[in-house]
N, C-alpha and C. Protein backbone atom coordinates (compact mmCIF):
# COMPACT_ATOMS: atom_id res chain seq x y z
N MET A 1 0.89 -1.12 -0.14
CA MET A 1 -0.18 -0.03 -0.12
C MET A 1 0.67 1.43 -0.06
N ARG A 2 1.99 0.90 0.57
CA ARG A 2 2.57 2.23 0.82
C ARG A 2 3.58 2.47 -0.70
N ILE A 3 3.81 1.90 -1.22
CA ILE A 3 4.43 1.85 -2.37
C ILE A 3 3.52 2.47 -3.54
N ILE A 4 2.04 2.07 -3.69
CA ILE A 4 1.02 2.71 -4.39
C ILE A 4 0.80 4.31 -4.02
N LEU A 5 0.70 4.56 -2.67
CA LEU A 5 0.70 5.98 -2.22
C LEU A 5 1.78 6.81 -2.63
N ALA A 6 3.31 6.30 -2.44
CA ALA A 6 4.25 6.85 -3.03
C ALA A 6 4.34 7.20 -4.59
N ALA A 7 3.86 6.31 -5.14
CA ALA A 7 3.50 6.56 -6.26
C ALA A 7 2.44 7.53 -6.95
N LEU A 8 1.43 7.38 -6.25
CA LEU A 8 0.47 8.70 -6.49
C LEU A 8 0.74 9.77 -6.24
N VAL A 9 1.62 9.96 -5.04
CA VAL A 9 2.08 11.38 -4.76
C VAL A 9 3.15 11.77 -5.66
N ALA A 10 3.99 10.87 -6.07
CA ALA A 10 5.08 11.16 -7.30
C ALA A 10 4.65 11.56 -8.51
N PHE A 11 3.17 11.06 -8.86
CA PHE A 11 2.38 11.17 -9.96
C PHE A 11 2.18 12.74 -9.91
N ALA A 12 1.31 12.65 -8.91
CA ALA A 12 0.73 14.12 -8.69
C ALA A 12 1.58 15.07 -8.75
N ALA A 13 2.95 15.20 -8.38
CA ALA A 13 3.97 16.18 -8.37
C ALA A 13 4.42 16.57 -9.39
N MET A 14 4.30 15.45 -10.23
CA MET A 14 5.06 15.76 -11.81
C MET A 14 4.35 16.83 -12.69
N PRO A 15 3.30 17.66 -12.62
CA PRO A 15 2.80 18.67 -13.38
C PRO A 15 3.53 19.93 -12.53
N VAL A 16 3.54 19.73 -11.51
CA VAL A 16 4.25 21.12 -10.64
C VAL A 16 5.63 21.13 -11.26
N LEU A 17 6.32 20.11 -11.29
CA LEU A 17 7.86 19.80 -11.76
C LEU A 17 7.75 20.42 -13.10
N ALA A 18 7.07 20.36 -13.88
CA ALA A 18 7.09 20.43 -15.28
C ALA A 18 6.78 21.89 -15.58
N GLN A 19 6.17 22.69 -14.52
CA GLN A 19 5.87 24.20 -14.77
C GLN A 19 7.52 24.74 -14.62
N THR A 20 8.19 24.35 -14.01
CA THR A 20 9.50 25.16 -13.95
C THR A 20 10.56 24.58 -14.81
N ALA A 21 9.95 25.41 -15.97
CA ALA A 21 10.96 25.23 -17.32
C ALA A 21 12.71 26.10 -17.21
N LEU A 22 13.23 25.45 -17.96
CA LEU A 22 14.44 25.85 -17.84
C LEU A 22 14.76 27.20 -19.00
N PRO A 23 15.31 28.34 -18.51
CA PRO A 23 15.33 29.44 -19.23
C PRO A 23 16.02 29.14 -20.49
N ASP A 24 15.43 29.70 -21.70
CA ASP A 24 16.07 29.71 -22.88
C ASP A 24 17.32 30.65 -23.19
N PRO A 25 18.23 29.87 -23.35
CA PRO A 25 19.62 30.34 -23.38
C PRO A 25 19.66 31.08 -24.91
N THR A 26 18.81 31.35 -25.59
CA THR A 26 19.05 31.96 -27.01
C THR A 26 18.13 33.37 -26.78
N ARG A 27 17.37 33.59 -25.66
CA ARG A 27 16.67 34.75 -25.56
C ARG A 27 17.64 36.00 -25.13
N PRO A 28 17.27 37.08 -25.38
CA PRO A 28 18.16 38.09 -25.25
C PRO A 28 18.11 38.46 -23.84
N PRO A 29 19.25 39.31 -23.35
CA PRO A 29 19.00 39.83 -21.86
C PRO A 29 17.87 40.91 -21.74
N PRO A 30 17.14 40.82 -20.49
CA PRO A 30 16.15 41.76 -20.30
C PRO A 30 16.37 43.26 -20.50
N GLU A 31 17.47 43.91 -20.45
CA GLU A 31 17.85 44.89 -20.55
C GLU A 31 17.78 45.37 -22.22
N VAL A 32 17.86 44.42 -23.10
CA VAL A 32 17.46 44.60 -24.28
C VAL A 32 16.17 44.21 -24.82
N LEU A 33 15.61 43.72 -23.82
CA LEU A 33 14.19 43.37 -24.42
C LEU A 33 12.95 44.72 -23.67
N ALA A 34 13.84 45.23 -23.06
CA ALA A 34 12.90 46.39 -22.40
C ALA A 34 12.69 47.77 -22.98
N PRO A 35 11.67 48.08 -23.17
CA PRO A 35 11.02 49.42 -24.04
C PRO A 35 12.35 50.50 -23.48
N GLN A 36 12.19 51.41 -24.73
CA GLN A 36 13.53 52.32 -24.53
C GLN A 36 13.21 53.32 -23.47
N THR A 37 12.06 53.30 -23.23
CA THR A 37 11.64 54.62 -22.11
C THR A 37 12.22 53.89 -20.60
N GLU A 38 12.52 52.63 -20.57
CA GLU A 38 12.96 52.10 -19.43
C GLU A 38 14.34 51.83 -19.24
N ARG A 39 14.98 51.96 -20.41
CA ARG A 39 16.42 51.94 -20.57
C ARG A 39 16.99 53.38 -20.00
N SER A 40 18.07 53.23 -19.41
CA SER A 40 18.71 54.70 -19.13
C SER A 40 19.38 55.01 -20.26
N GLY A 41 19.49 56.17 -20.52
CA GLY A 41 19.80 57.03 -21.36
C GLY A 41 18.86 57.44 -22.34
N PRO A 42 19.33 58.65 -23.45
CA PRO A 42 18.33 59.07 -23.98
C PRO A 42 18.21 58.10 -25.23
N ALA A 43 16.81 58.27 -25.99
CA ALA A 43 16.60 57.58 -27.18
C ALA A 43 17.58 57.95 -28.40
N VAL A 44 18.32 57.16 -29.19
CA VAL A 44 18.96 57.79 -30.40
C VAL A 44 18.28 57.28 -31.43
N ALA A 45 18.21 58.05 -32.65
CA ALA A 45 17.79 57.65 -33.96
C ALA A 45 19.01 57.73 -34.62
N VAL A 46 19.29 56.44 -35.34
CA VAL A 46 20.30 56.62 -36.31
C VAL A 46 19.92 56.89 -37.94
N VAL A 47 20.09 57.95 -38.27
CA VAL A 47 19.61 58.40 -39.63
C VAL A 47 20.85 58.65 -40.56
N ALA A 48 20.93 58.18 -41.71
CA ALA A 48 21.85 58.50 -42.61
C ALA A 48 21.95 59.86 -43.32
N ALA A 49 22.81 60.78 -43.29
CA ALA A 49 23.19 62.33 -43.58
C ALA A 49 22.91 62.32 -45.11
N GLY A 50 23.84 61.39 -45.44
CA GLY A 50 23.69 61.79 -47.13
C GLY A 50 23.73 60.11 -47.75
N PRO A 51 24.10 60.27 -49.20
CA PRO A 51 24.47 59.06 -49.64
C PRO A 51 25.52 58.17 -49.20
N GLN A 52 25.14 56.60 -49.05
CA GLN A 52 25.47 55.73 -48.41
C GLN A 52 26.38 54.86 -49.68
N LEU A 53 27.50 54.63 -49.52
CA LEU A 53 28.48 53.85 -50.19
C LEU A 53 28.02 52.32 -49.58
N GLN A 54 28.15 51.19 -50.64
CA GLN A 54 27.67 50.11 -49.96
C GLN A 54 28.52 48.86 -50.84
N SER A 55 28.98 49.31 -51.86
CA SER A 55 30.22 48.67 -52.50
C SER A 55 30.96 49.13 -53.63
N VAL A 56 32.06 48.44 -53.92
CA VAL A 56 33.18 49.16 -55.13
C VAL A 56 33.09 48.17 -55.68
N LEU A 57 33.59 48.24 -57.32
CA LEU A 57 33.89 47.38 -58.11
C LEU A 57 34.65 47.67 -59.23
N VAL A 58 35.88 47.21 -59.00
CA VAL A 58 37.00 48.00 -59.64
C VAL A 58 37.81 46.62 -60.65
N ALA A 59 37.76 46.77 -61.90
CA ALA A 59 38.40 45.55 -62.46
C ALA A 59 39.71 45.77 -62.65
N ARG A 60 40.57 44.76 -62.34
CA ARG A 60 41.74 44.46 -62.29
C ARG A 60 42.80 45.02 -63.41
N ARG A 61 42.39 44.84 -64.63
CA ARG A 61 43.07 45.14 -65.63
C ARG A 61 42.82 46.92 -65.79
N PRO A 62 43.98 47.32 -66.58
CA PRO A 62 44.17 48.56 -67.06
C PRO A 62 42.74 49.02 -67.82
N GLY A 63 42.72 50.16 -67.73
CA GLY A 63 41.16 50.65 -68.57
C GLY A 63 39.71 50.11 -67.75
N GLY A 64 40.02 48.96 -67.17
CA GLY A 64 38.82 48.28 -66.65
C GLY A 64 37.35 49.06 -66.17
N ARG A 65 36.51 48.39 -66.14
CA ARG A 65 35.43 49.48 -65.38
C ARG A 65 35.47 49.43 -63.97
N LYS A 66 34.94 50.65 -63.56
CA LYS A 66 34.73 50.93 -62.23
C LYS A 66 33.29 51.52 -62.01
N LEU A 67 32.56 50.98 -60.86
CA LEU A 67 31.32 51.01 -60.51
C LEU A 67 31.26 51.06 -59.03
N ALA A 68 30.20 51.70 -58.45
CA ALA A 68 29.66 51.78 -57.25
C ALA A 68 28.47 51.51 -56.68
N VAL A 69 28.10 50.88 -55.92
CA VAL A 69 26.90 50.64 -55.60
C VAL A 69 26.50 51.76 -53.99
N ILE A 70 25.71 52.87 -54.67
CA ILE A 70 25.54 53.90 -53.84
C ILE A 70 23.85 54.13 -53.52
N ASP A 71 23.45 53.85 -52.55
CA ASP A 71 21.91 53.74 -51.90
C ASP A 71 21.21 52.69 -52.78
N GLY A 72 21.79 51.48 -53.24
CA GLY A 72 21.37 50.54 -53.82
C GLY A 72 21.25 50.44 -55.17
N ALA A 73 21.52 51.66 -55.77
CA ALA A 73 21.90 51.94 -57.15
C ALA A 73 23.28 51.77 -57.79
N ILE A 74 23.33 50.84 -58.94
CA ILE A 74 25.21 50.63 -59.59
C ILE A 74 25.00 51.89 -60.36
N VAL A 75 26.19 52.61 -59.88
CA VAL A 75 26.53 53.92 -60.68
C VAL A 75 28.17 53.72 -61.35
N PRO A 76 28.11 54.17 -62.46
CA PRO A 76 29.61 53.71 -63.28
C PRO A 76 30.20 55.03 -63.26
N LEU A 77 31.38 55.17 -63.32
CA LEU A 77 32.16 56.23 -63.64
C LEU A 77 31.62 57.56 -64.36
N GLY A 78 31.64 58.47 -63.88
CA GLY A 78 31.01 59.74 -64.45
C GLY A 78 29.20 59.75 -64.69
N GLY A 79 28.67 58.44 -63.71
CA GLY A 79 27.25 58.73 -63.55
C GLY A 79 27.01 59.65 -62.42
N LYS A 80 25.76 59.84 -62.35
CA LYS A 80 25.20 60.96 -61.26
C LYS A 80 24.41 60.06 -60.19
N VAL A 81 24.55 60.73 -58.98
CA VAL A 81 23.64 60.24 -58.19
C VAL A 81 23.09 61.49 -57.15
N GLY A 82 21.78 61.42 -57.24
CA GLY A 82 21.12 62.47 -56.74
C GLY A 82 21.81 64.16 -56.81
N GLY A 83 22.08 64.42 -58.18
CA GLY A 83 22.87 65.57 -58.44
C GLY A 83 24.31 65.73 -58.24
N ALA A 84 24.93 64.73 -57.69
CA ALA A 84 26.57 64.50 -57.72
C ALA A 84 26.74 63.71 -59.09
N VAL A 85 28.03 63.87 -59.21
CA VAL A 85 28.47 63.18 -60.57
C VAL A 85 29.74 62.08 -59.58
N LEU A 86 29.69 60.95 -60.12
CA LEU A 86 30.94 60.27 -59.51
C LEU A 86 32.17 60.47 -60.26
N VAL A 87 33.09 60.84 -59.58
CA VAL A 87 34.23 61.56 -60.33
C VAL A 87 35.78 60.47 -59.77
N GLU A 88 35.56 59.64 -59.13
CA GLU A 88 36.44 58.69 -58.65
C GLU A 88 36.19 57.40 -58.11
N VAL A 89 36.77 56.61 -58.18
CA VAL A 89 36.28 55.22 -57.86
C VAL A 89 37.80 54.73 -57.35
N ARG A 90 37.94 54.26 -56.02
CA ARG A 90 39.00 53.66 -55.36
C ARG A 90 38.46 52.46 -54.77
N GLU A 91 39.60 51.55 -54.22
CA GLU A 91 39.06 50.14 -53.77
C GLU A 91 38.06 50.27 -52.57
N SER A 92 38.52 51.50 -51.92
CA SER A 92 37.39 51.61 -50.39
C SER A 92 36.49 52.70 -50.49
N ALA A 93 36.70 53.41 -51.44
CA ALA A 93 36.27 54.71 -51.38
C ALA A 93 35.62 55.43 -52.81
N VAL A 94 34.84 56.34 -52.81
CA VAL A 94 34.56 56.99 -54.02
C VAL A 94 34.39 58.26 -53.93
N VAL A 95 34.39 59.19 -54.85
CA VAL A 95 34.40 60.69 -54.76
C VAL A 95 33.18 61.20 -55.68
N LEU A 96 32.30 61.96 -54.91
CA LEU A 96 31.25 62.52 -55.57
C LEU A 96 31.50 63.88 -55.71
N GLN A 97 31.09 64.75 -56.87
CA GLN A 97 31.26 66.37 -57.20
C GLN A 97 30.17 66.74 -57.40
N ARG A 98 29.65 67.76 -56.84
CA ARG A 98 28.52 68.91 -57.05
C ARG A 98 29.26 70.08 -57.31
N GLY A 99 29.16 70.65 -58.10
CA GLY A 99 29.90 71.88 -58.56
C GLY A 99 31.11 71.94 -58.07
N LYS A 100 31.90 72.64 -57.43
CA LYS A 100 33.25 72.80 -56.97
C LYS A 100 33.54 71.95 -55.79
N GLN A 101 32.47 71.47 -55.06
CA GLN A 101 32.55 70.33 -53.90
C GLN A 101 32.47 69.23 -54.20
N LYS A 102 33.41 68.67 -53.49
CA LYS A 102 33.67 67.04 -53.43
C LYS A 102 33.47 66.17 -52.18
N GLN A 103 32.67 65.34 -52.40
CA GLN A 103 32.46 64.44 -51.03
C GLN A 103 33.16 63.16 -51.24
N VAL A 104 33.83 62.52 -50.40
CA VAL A 104 34.29 61.47 -50.25
C VAL A 104 33.50 60.17 -49.33
N LEU A 105 32.86 59.25 -50.15
CA LEU A 105 32.43 58.24 -49.21
C LEU A 105 33.30 57.11 -49.30
N LYS A 106 33.13 56.46 -47.85
CA LYS A 106 34.19 55.43 -47.48
C LYS A 106 33.28 54.07 -47.24
N LEU A 107 33.82 53.05 -47.64
CA LEU A 107 33.28 51.97 -47.18
C LEU A 107 33.29 51.35 -45.54
N VAL A 108 32.34 51.31 -44.94
CA VAL A 108 32.57 51.06 -43.61
C VAL A 108 31.88 49.65 -43.09
N SER A 109 32.70 48.92 -42.48
CA SER A 109 32.22 47.23 -42.21
C SER A 109 30.80 47.41 -41.22
N SER A 110 30.72 48.38 -40.55
CA SER A 110 29.49 48.28 -40.00
C SER A 110 28.41 48.67 -40.59
N GLY A 111 28.44 49.42 -42.00
CA GLY A 111 27.51 49.45 -42.75
C GLY A 111 26.80 50.76 -42.72
N GLN A 112 27.27 51.69 -41.88
CA GLN A 112 27.03 53.20 -41.72
C GLN A 112 28.01 53.88 -42.62
N ASP A 113 27.54 55.16 -42.99
CA ASP A 113 27.95 55.89 -44.10
C ASP A 113 28.80 56.93 -43.03
N LYS A 114 30.05 56.87 -43.74
CA LYS A 114 31.26 58.11 -43.23
C LYS A 114 31.54 58.58 -44.25
N ALA A 115 30.96 59.82 -44.37
CA ALA A 115 31.35 60.94 -45.39
C ALA A 115 31.93 61.81 -44.75
N GLN A 116 33.02 62.40 -45.58
CA GLN A 116 33.81 63.32 -45.43
C GLN A 116 34.19 64.70 -46.36
N GLN A 117 34.27 65.45 -45.87
CA GLN A 117 34.14 66.81 -47.10
C GLN A 117 35.72 67.13 -46.98
N PRO A 118 36.62 66.79 -48.39
CA PRO A 118 38.01 67.63 -48.29
C PRO A 118 38.16 68.96 -48.49
């Protein structure tokens, strides 16, 4: 009789034990899941200030094609991007010119645009 009673108590405790689930190891930490208003520090919006250089294609042979992918558009050397002309294509940067003003766009590994005015 004691064996049946012990088995019955163990069987009754199973649903309680099943409710204590293990934490999900792939779940982000609570501070990442918290709304921005609960996090410390001001809210920051990331907005691109100008054109973004996404890729550069330079042919290895002399006189080969030079292309840039700017804001998702393929632009050849001499092509136009938002009123600017692509005047130079390097391996990791391009130069856009609007009138007398030149703008250098560099490739950045994080995907963010780093524009410099020479």
